[in-house]
C-alpha atoms as a PDB file:
ATOM      1  CA  MET A   1     -63.406 -24.368 -15.564  1.00  0.00           C
ATOM      2  CA  CYS A   2     -63.527 -23.948 -11.804  1.00  0.00           C
ATOM      3  CA  LYS A   3     -64.267 -20.802  -9.819  1.00  0.00           C
ATOM      4  CA  THR A   4     -63.655 -20.276  -6.120  1.00  0.00           C
ATOM      5  CA  PHE A   5     -64.315 -17.026  -4.294  1.00  0.00           C
ATOM      6  CA  ASP A   6     -62.460 -15.933  -1.172  1.00  0.00           C
ATOM      7  CA  THR A   7     -65.017 -15.238   1.568  1.00  0.00           C
ATOM      8  CA  GLY A   8     -63.123 -13.933   4.561  1.00  0.00           C
ATOM      9  CA  GLY A   9     -60.264 -16.380   4.315  1.00  0.00           C
ATOM     10  CA  GLN A  10     -62.431 -19.339   3.340  1.00  0.00           C
ATOM     11  CA  GLY A  11     -62.873 -20.558  -0.211  1.00  0.00           C
ATOM     12  CA  LEU A  12     -66.399 -20.757  -1.661  1.00  0.00           C
ATOM     13  CA  GLU A  13     -66.295 -23.126  -4.623  1.00  0.00           C
ATOM     14  CA  VAL A  14     -69.122 -22.000  -6.921  1.00  0.00           C
ATOM     15  CA  LEU A  15     -68.174 -23.900 -10.070  1.00  0.00           C
ATOM     16  CA  LYS A  16     -66.380 -27.214  -9.566  1.00  0.00           C
ATOM     17  CA  GLY A  17     -65.573 -28.225 -13.117  1.00  0.00           C
ATOM     18  CA  VAL A  18     -67.717 -26.876 -15.936  1.00  0.00           C
ATOM     19  CA  GLY A  19     -67.040 -28.100 -19.458  1.00  0.00           C
ATOM     20  CA  LEU A  20     -69.012 -26.542 -22.308  1.00  0.00           C
ATOM     21  CA  GLU A  21     -68.439 -26.520 -26.062  1.00  0.00           C
ATOM     22  CA  VAL A  22     -70.708 -24.420 -28.268  1.00  0.00           C
ATOM     23  CA  HIS A  23     -70.483 -24.375 -32.055  1.00  0.00           C
ATOM     24  CA  ALA A  24     -71.241 -21.572 -34.511  1.00  0.00           C
ATOM     25  CA  GLY A  25     -74.973 -21.345 -35.191  1.00  0.00           C
ATOM     26  CA  GLU A  26     -75.861 -23.315 -32.042  1.00  0.00           C
ATOM     27  CA  LEU A  27     -78.176 -22.134 -29.282  1.00  0.00           C
ATOM     28  CA  VAL A  28     -77.486 -23.491 -25.800  1.00  0.00           C
ATOM     29  CA  ALA A  29     -79.540 -22.777 -22.687  1.00  0.00           C
ATOM     30  CA  VAL A  30     -78.193 -23.073 -19.147  1.00  0.00           C
ATOM     31  CA  MET A  31     -80.721 -23.449 -16.348  1.00  0.00           C
ATOM     32  CA  GLY A  32     -80.454 -23.623 -12.597  1.00  0.00           C
ATOM     33  CA  ALA A  33     -81.895 -22.208  -9.402  1.00  0.00           C
ATOM     34  CA  SER A  34     -80.877 -18.766  -8.183  1.00  0.00           C
ATOM     35  CA  GLY A  35     -77.415 -18.740  -6.664  1.00  0.00           C
ATOM     36  CA  VAL A  36     -76.097 -21.928  -8.303  1.00  0.00           C
ATOM     37  CA  GLY A  37     -73.558 -20.131 -10.480  1.00  0.00           C
ATOM     38  CA  LYS A  38     -75.299 -19.169 -13.753  1.00  0.00           C
ATOM     39  CA  SER A  39     -74.160 -15.554 -13.530  1.00  0.00           C
ATOM     40  CA  THR A  40     -70.674 -16.651 -12.505  1.00  0.00           C
ATOM     41  CA  LEU A  41     -70.481 -18.872 -15.586  1.00  0.00           C
ATOM     42  CA  LEU A  42     -71.724 -16.037 -17.798  1.00  0.00           C
ATOM     43  CA  HIS A  43     -69.051 -13.700 -16.416  1.00  0.00           C
ATOM     44  CA  LEU A  44     -66.374 -16.314 -17.093  1.00  0.00           C
ATOM     45  CA  LEU A  45     -67.577 -17.029 -20.633  1.00  0.00           C
ATOM     46  CA  GLY A  46     -67.809 -13.292 -21.274  1.00  0.00           C
ATOM     47  CA  THR A  47     -64.226 -12.760 -20.010  1.00  0.00           C
ATOM     48  CA  LEU A  48     -65.538 -10.349 -17.358  1.00  0.00           C
ATOM     49  CA  ASP A  49     -63.874 -12.558 -14.739  1.00  0.00           C
ATOM     50  CA  ARG A  50     -61.176 -15.221 -14.811  1.00  0.00           C
ATOM     51  CA  PRO A  51     -61.598 -18.814 -13.586  1.00  0.00           C
ATOM     52  CA  THR A  52     -59.603 -20.128 -10.667  1.00  0.00           C
ATOM     53  CA  SER A  53     -58.472 -22.966 -12.907  1.00  0.00           C
ATOM     54  CA  GLY A  54     -59.217 -24.316 -16.362  1.00  0.00           C
ATOM     55  CA  GLU A  55     -59.070 -22.920 -19.857  1.00  0.00           C
ATOM     56  CA  LEU A  56     -61.311 -20.869 -22.127  1.00  0.00           C
ATOM     57  CA  ARG A  57     -61.052 -20.737 -25.902  1.00  0.00           C
ATOM     58  CA  ILE A  58     -63.253 -18.497 -28.017  1.00  0.00           C
ATOM     59  CA  ALA A  59     -62.936 -18.451 -31.808  1.00  0.00           C
ATOM     60  CA  GLY A  60     -59.709 -20.418 -31.444  1.00  0.00           C
ATOM     61  CA  THR A  61     -58.102 -17.924 -29.052  1.00  0.00           C
ATOM     62  CA  ASP A  62     -56.881 -18.884 -25.589  1.00  0.00           C
ATOM     63  CA  VAL A  63     -58.356 -15.790 -23.976  1.00  0.00           C
ATOM     64  CA  LEU A  64     -56.876 -16.452 -20.539  1.00  0.00           C
ATOM     65  CA  ASN A  65     -53.413 -15.763 -21.936  1.00  0.00           C
ATOM     66  CA  LEU A  66     -54.392 -12.259 -23.079  1.00  0.00           C
ATOM     67  CA  ASN A  67     -53.468  -9.246 -20.966  1.00  0.00           C
ATOM     68  CA  ASP A  68     -56.259  -6.945 -19.796  1.00  0.00           C
ATOM     69  CA  GLN A  69     -55.937  -4.524 -22.711  1.00  0.00           C
ATOM     70  CA  ALA A  70     -55.887  -7.256 -25.348  1.00  0.00           C
ATOM     71  CA  LEU A  71     -58.734  -9.030 -23.593  1.00  0.00           C
ATOM     72  CA  SER A  72     -60.837  -5.862 -23.656  1.00  0.00           C
ATOM     73  CA  ARG A  73     -60.292  -5.527 -27.416  1.00  0.00           C
ATOM     74  CA  PHE A  74     -61.112  -9.199 -27.938  1.00  0.00           C
ATOM     75  CA  ARG A  75     -64.297  -8.916 -25.873  1.00  0.00           C
ATOM     76  CA  ASN A  76     -65.502  -5.902 -27.821  1.00  0.00           C
ATOM     77  CA  ARG A  77     -64.961  -7.670 -31.134  1.00  0.00           C
ATOM     78  CA  HIS A  78     -65.933 -11.252 -30.371  1.00  0.00           C
ATOM     79  CA  ILE A  79     -68.509 -11.254 -27.540  1.00  0.00           C
ATOM     80  CA  GLY A  80     -71.977  -9.718 -27.421  1.00  0.00           C
ATOM     81  CA  PHE A  81     -74.111  -9.393 -24.272  1.00  0.00           C
ATOM     82  CA  VAL A  82     -77.864  -9.216 -23.739  1.00  0.00           C
ATOM     83  CA  PHE A  83     -79.000  -8.761 -20.123  1.00  0.00           C
ATOM     84  CA  GLN A  84     -82.372  -8.969 -18.378  1.00  0.00           C
ATOM     85  CA  TYR A  85     -82.420  -5.185 -18.152  1.00  0.00           C
ATOM     86  CA  HIS A  86     -81.417  -3.688 -21.466  1.00  0.00           C
ATOM     87  CA  HIS A  87     -78.894  -1.173 -20.031  1.00  0.00           C
ATOM     88  CA  LEU A  88     -79.439   1.261 -22.905  1.00  0.00           C
ATOM     89  CA  LEU A  89     -78.109   4.787 -22.456  1.00  0.00           C
ATOM     90  CA  PRO A  90     -81.225   6.931 -21.889  1.00  0.00           C
ATOM     91  CA  GLU A  91     -79.882  10.016 -23.680  1.00  0.00           C
ATOM     92  CA  PHE A  92     -79.032   8.048 -26.854  1.00  0.00           C
ATOM     93  CA  THR A  93     -81.442   7.035 -29.599  1.00  0.00           C
ATOM     94  CA  ALA A  94     -82.034   3.388 -30.501  1.00  0.00           C
ATOM     95  CA  LEU A  95     -79.608   3.698 -33.398  1.00  0.00           C
ATOM     96  CA  GLU A  96     -76.961   5.431 -31.291  1.00  0.00           C
ATOM     97  CA  ASN A  97     -77.225   2.716 -28.631  1.00  0.00           C
ATOM     98  CA  ALA A  98     -76.832   0.049 -31.303  1.00  0.00           C
ATOM     99  CA  LEU A  99     -73.727   1.814 -32.622  1.00  0.00           C
ATOM    100  CA  LEU A 100     -71.926   1.877 -29.248  1.00  0.00           C
ATOM    101  CA  PRO A 101     -69.725  -1.231 -29.758  1.00  0.00           C
ATOM    102  CA  GLY A 102     -68.489   0.273 -33.018  1.00  0.00           C
ATOM    103  CA  LEU A 103     -67.762   3.596 -31.367  1.00  0.00           C
ATOM    104  CA  VAL A 104     -65.681   1.827 -28.716  1.00  0.00           C
ATOM    105  CA  ALA A 105     -63.773  -0.062 -31.412  1.00  0.00           C
ATOM    106  CA  GLY A 106     -63.423   2.974 -33.685  1.00  0.00           C
ATOM    107  CA  THR A 107     -65.455   1.275 -36.429  1.00  0.00           C
ATOM    108  CA  ASP A 108     -68.376   2.686 -38.410  1.00  0.00           C
ATOM    109  CA  LEU A 109     -71.164   0.134 -38.042  1.00  0.00           C
ATOM    110  CA  ARG A 110     -74.066   2.354 -39.123  1.00  0.00           C
ATOM    111  CA  GLU A 111     -74.995   0.195 -42.106  1.00  0.00           C
ATOM    112  CA  ALA A 112     -74.980  -2.997 -40.034  1.00  0.00           C
ATOM    113  CA  ALA A 113     -76.895  -1.401 -37.137  1.00  0.00           C
ATOM    114  CA  THR A 114     -79.521   0.103 -39.433  1.00  0.00           C
ATOM    115  CA  GLY A 115     -80.049  -3.205 -41.205  1.00  0.00           C
ATOM    116  CA  LEU A 116     -80.395  -5.131 -37.947  1.00  0.00           C
ATOM    117  CA  LEU A 117     -82.831  -2.610 -36.458  1.00  0.00           C
ATOM    118  CA  GLU A 118     -84.932  -2.911 -39.593  1.00  0.00           C
ATOM    119  CA  SER A 119     -84.808  -6.711 -39.377  1.00  0.00           C
ATOM    120  CA  VAL A 120     -86.204  -6.669 -35.813  1.00  0.00           C
ATOM    121  CA  GLY A 121     -89.064  -4.354 -36.720  1.00  0.00           C
ATOM    122  CA  LEU A 122     -87.632  -1.050 -35.497  1.00  0.00           C
ATOM    123  CA  ALA A 123     -87.217   0.748 -38.811  1.00  0.00           C
ATOM    124  CA  ASP A 124     -89.480   3.578 -37.667  1.00  0.00           C
ATOM    125  CA  ARG A 125     -88.113   3.702 -34.092  1.00  0.00           C
ATOM    126  CA  MET A 126     -84.416   4.305 -34.687  1.00  0.00           C
ATOM    127  CA  ASP A 127     -84.548   7.946 -33.624  1.00  0.00           C
ATOM    128  CA  HIS A 128     -86.498   7.217 -30.435  1.00  0.00           C
ATOM    129  CA  ARG A 129     -84.808   7.174 -27.030  1.00  0.00           C
ATOM    130  CA  PRO A 130     -85.317   4.290 -24.571  1.00  0.00           C
ATOM    131  CA  GLY A 131     -87.918   6.265 -22.605  1.00  0.00           C
ATOM    132  CA  GLU A 132     -90.021   6.400 -25.758  1.00  0.00           C
ATOM    133  CA  LEU A 133     -89.793   2.658 -26.427  1.00  0.00           C
ATOM    134  CA  SER A 134     -91.597  -0.312 -24.884  1.00  0.00           C
ATOM    135  CA  GLY A 135     -89.731  -2.902 -22.833  1.00  0.00           C
ATOM    136  CA  GLY A 136     -89.773  -5.351 -25.729  1.00  0.00           C
ATOM    137  CA  GLU A 137     -88.485  -2.704 -28.126  1.00  0.00           C
ATOM    138  CA  CYS A 138     -85.651  -1.832 -25.752  1.00  0.00           C
ATOM    139  CA  GLN A 139     -84.645  -5.487 -25.555  1.00  0.00           C
ATOM    140  CA  ARG A 140     -84.634  -5.705 -29.350  1.00  0.00           C
ATOM    141  CA  VAL A 141     -82.281  -2.716 -29.456  1.00  0.00           C
ATOM    142  CA  ALA A 142     -80.092  -4.493 -26.876  1.00  0.00           C
ATOM    143  CA  MET A 143     -80.053  -7.588 -29.081  1.00  0.00           C
ATOM    144  CA  VAL A 144     -79.004  -5.519 -32.093  1.00  0.00           C
ATOM    145  CA  ARG A 145     -76.247  -3.906 -30.007  1.00  0.00           C
ATOM    146  CA  ALA A 146     -74.983  -7.389 -29.105  1.00  0.00           C
ATOM    147  CA  LEU A 147     -74.998  -8.529 -32.730  1.00  0.00           C
ATOM    148  CA  VAL A 148     -73.782  -5.440 -34.549  1.00  0.00           C
ATOM    149  CA  THR A 149     -70.068  -6.380 -34.534  1.00  0.00           C
ATOM    150  CA  ARG A 150     -70.929  -9.922 -35.720  1.00  0.00           C
ATOM    151  CA  PRO A 151     -69.268 -11.445 -32.653  1.00  0.00           C
ATOM    152  CA  SER A 152     -68.254 -15.077 -32.314  1.00  0.00           C
ATOM    153  CA  LEU A 153     -70.327 -15.575 -29.165  1.00  0.00           C
ATOM    154  CA  VAL A 154     -73.481 -13.957 -27.782  1.00  0.00           C
ATOM    155  CA  LEU A 155     -74.320 -14.356 -24.085  1.00  0.00           C
ATOM    156  CA  ALA A 156     -77.841 -13.641 -22.869  1.00  0.00           C
ATOM    157  CA  ASP A 157     -78.775 -13.461 -19.182  1.00  0.00           C
ATOM    158  CA  GLU A 158     -82.542 -13.875 -18.651  1.00  0.00           C
ATOM    159  CA  PRO A 159     -83.158 -11.806 -21.819  1.00  0.00           C
ATOM    160  CA  SER A 160     -86.943 -11.823 -21.407  1.00  0.00           C
ATOM    161  CA  GLY A 161     -87.140 -11.986 -17.607  1.00  0.00           C
ATOM    162  CA  ASN A 162     -88.476  -8.436 -17.355  1.00  0.00           C
ATOM    163  CA  LEU A 163     -91.188  -8.822 -20.021  1.00  0.00           C
ATOM    164  CA  ASP A 164     -94.759 -10.109 -20.159  1.00  0.00           C
ATOM    165  CA  GLU A 165     -95.435 -13.583 -21.532  1.00  0.00           C
ATOM    166  CA  ALA A 166     -96.552 -12.551 -25.019  1.00  0.00           C
ATOM    167  CA  THR A 167     -93.598 -10.195 -25.502  1.00  0.00           C
ATOM    168  CA  SER A 168     -91.245 -12.852 -24.111  1.00  0.00           C
ATOM    169  CA  GLU A 169     -92.404 -15.448 -26.632  1.00  0.00           C
ATOM    170  CA  SER A 170     -91.972 -12.980 -29.477  1.00  0.00           C
ATOM    171  CA  LEU A 171     -88.465 -12.132 -28.261  1.00  0.00           C
ATOM    172  CA  HIS A 172     -87.567 -15.818 -27.964  1.00  0.00           C
ATOM    173  CA  GLU A 173     -88.589 -16.455 -31.567  1.00  0.00           C
ATOM    174  CA  LEU A 174     -86.617 -13.437 -32.704  1.00  0.00           C
ATOM    175  CA  LEU A 175     -83.558 -14.551 -30.744  1.00  0.00           C
ATOM    176  CA  ALA A 176     -83.636 -17.984 -32.385  1.00  0.00           C
ATOM    177  CA  ASP A 177     -84.148 -16.506 -35.857  1.00  0.00           C
ATOM    178  CA  LEU A 178     -81.247 -14.079 -35.430  1.00  0.00           C
ATOM    179  CA  ALA A 179     -78.957 -16.747 -34.006  1.00  0.00           C
ATOM    180  CA  ARG A 180     -79.531 -19.166 -36.857  1.00  0.00           C
ATOM    181  CA  ALA A 181     -79.439 -16.484 -39.546  1.00  0.00           C
ATOM    182  CA  SER A 182     -76.172 -15.041 -38.256  1.00  0.00           C
ATOM    183  CA  GLY A 183     -74.444 -18.365 -37.584  1.00  0.00           C
ATOM    184  CA  LEU A 184     -73.221 -17.202 -34.180  1.00  0.00           C
ATOM    185  CA  ALA A 185     -72.852 -19.254 -31.017  1.00  0.00           C
ATOM    186  CA  PHE A 186     -75.481 -18.315 -28.419  1.00  0.00           C
ATOM    187  CA  VAL A 187     -75.528 -19.204 -24.717  1.00  0.00           C
ATOM    188  CA  VAL A 188     -78.644 -18.192 -22.772  1.00  0.00           C
ATOM    189  CA  MET A 189     -78.892 -18.252 -18.984  1.00  0.00           C
ATOM    190  CA  THR A 190     -82.546 -18.648 -18.052  1.00  0.00           C
ATOM    191  CA  HIS A 191     -85.153 -19.853 -15.565  1.00  0.00           C
ATOM    192  CA  ASP A 192     -87.632 -20.249 -18.433  1.00  0.00           C
ATOM    193  CA  ARG A 193     -87.892 -23.951 -19.254  1.00  0.00           C
ATOM    194  CA  LYS A 194     -90.003 -23.259 -22.338  1.00  0.00           C
ATOM    195  CA  LEU A 195     -87.257 -21.031 -23.709  1.00  0.00           C
ATOM    196  CA  ALA A 196     -84.594 -23.590 -22.793  1.00  0.00           C
ATOM    197  CA  GLN A 197     -86.460 -26.367 -24.575  1.00  0.00           C
ATOM    198  CA  SER A 198     -86.585 -24.292 -27.756  1.00  0.00           C
ATOM    199  CA  MET A 199     -82.772 -24.297 -27.907  1.00  0.00           C
ATOM    200  CA  ASP A 200     -80.554 -26.895 -29.582  1.00  0.00           C
ATOM    201  CA  ARG A 201     -79.218 -28.079 -26.227  1.00  0.00           C
ATOM    202  CA  MET A 202     -79.851 -27.285 -22.598  1.00  0.00           C
ATOM    203  CA  GLY A 203     -77.938 -27.807 -19.391  1.00  0.00           C
ATOM    204  CA  HIS A 204     -78.499 -27.584 -15.644  1.00  0.00           C
ATOM    205  CA  ILE A 205     -76.067 -26.265 -13.062  1.00  0.00           C
ATOM    206  CA  GLU A 206     -76.353 -28.106  -9.763  1.00  0.00           C
ATOM    207  CA  ALA A 207     -73.801 -28.443  -6.975  1.00  0.00           C
ATOM    208  CA  GLY A 208     -71.261 -26.553  -9.049  1.00  0.00           C
ATOM    209  CA  MET A 209     -71.448 -28.941 -12.011  1.00  0.00           C
ATOM    210  CA  LEU A 210     -73.021 -28.484 -15.450  1.00  0.00           C
ATOM    211  CA  GLN A 211     -74.985 -31.393 -16.914  1.00  0.00           C
ATOM    212  CA  MET A 212     -75.922 -31.082 -20.597  1.00  0.00           C
ATOM    213  CA  GLU A 213     -78.784 -32.713 -22.474  1.00  0.00           C
ATOM    214  CA  GLU A 214     -80.528 -32.361 -25.814  1.00  0.00           C
ATOM    215  CA  ALA A 215     -83.415 -29.896 -25.693  1.00  0.00           C
ATOM    216  CA  THR A 216     -86.849 -31.364 -26.440  1.00  0.00           C
END
């Protein structure tokens, strides 16, 4: 995929030809300095933006051929997001936040959400609002929200970037456990080399190109 932005009549080529294949149950990290295009790639993979050229297939679907309404439905069902800041709704409880993708889709996911919250150690925190939870707990709720529909792909953007080192390591272990247990494809954008090296594969974006390597 390629992505060029129009900057006052001039084209800014951010991604010059990124090829990435991720299989079910695989964890892939993408590293790179600030401004090299990690967020742009995440937005493209998450169907929040469209590439200037190229193709994108998720779960066998050519998503670039979907209209906006169909793409929105596909995104809700097949793609989960975890961001650096959890973006939980402050007036909702942990359980209610985890149920949001189901509410959007008109599906009752209470059983799945409850089970996932229990699995990440939040059995006794489901009725608490974000303001009553720690940063690490909020990120765990955000992870459950991303997983509750059992999507085909989960995208994480600096998922532990706002946490202390000990909480980050715990979250990384949990992320890996959930990914492998669920059999979903995970792509993590990160500056954290230790996190990247814990993945199955890692890549670096530089000069608009993505170079992949086996994690060590």
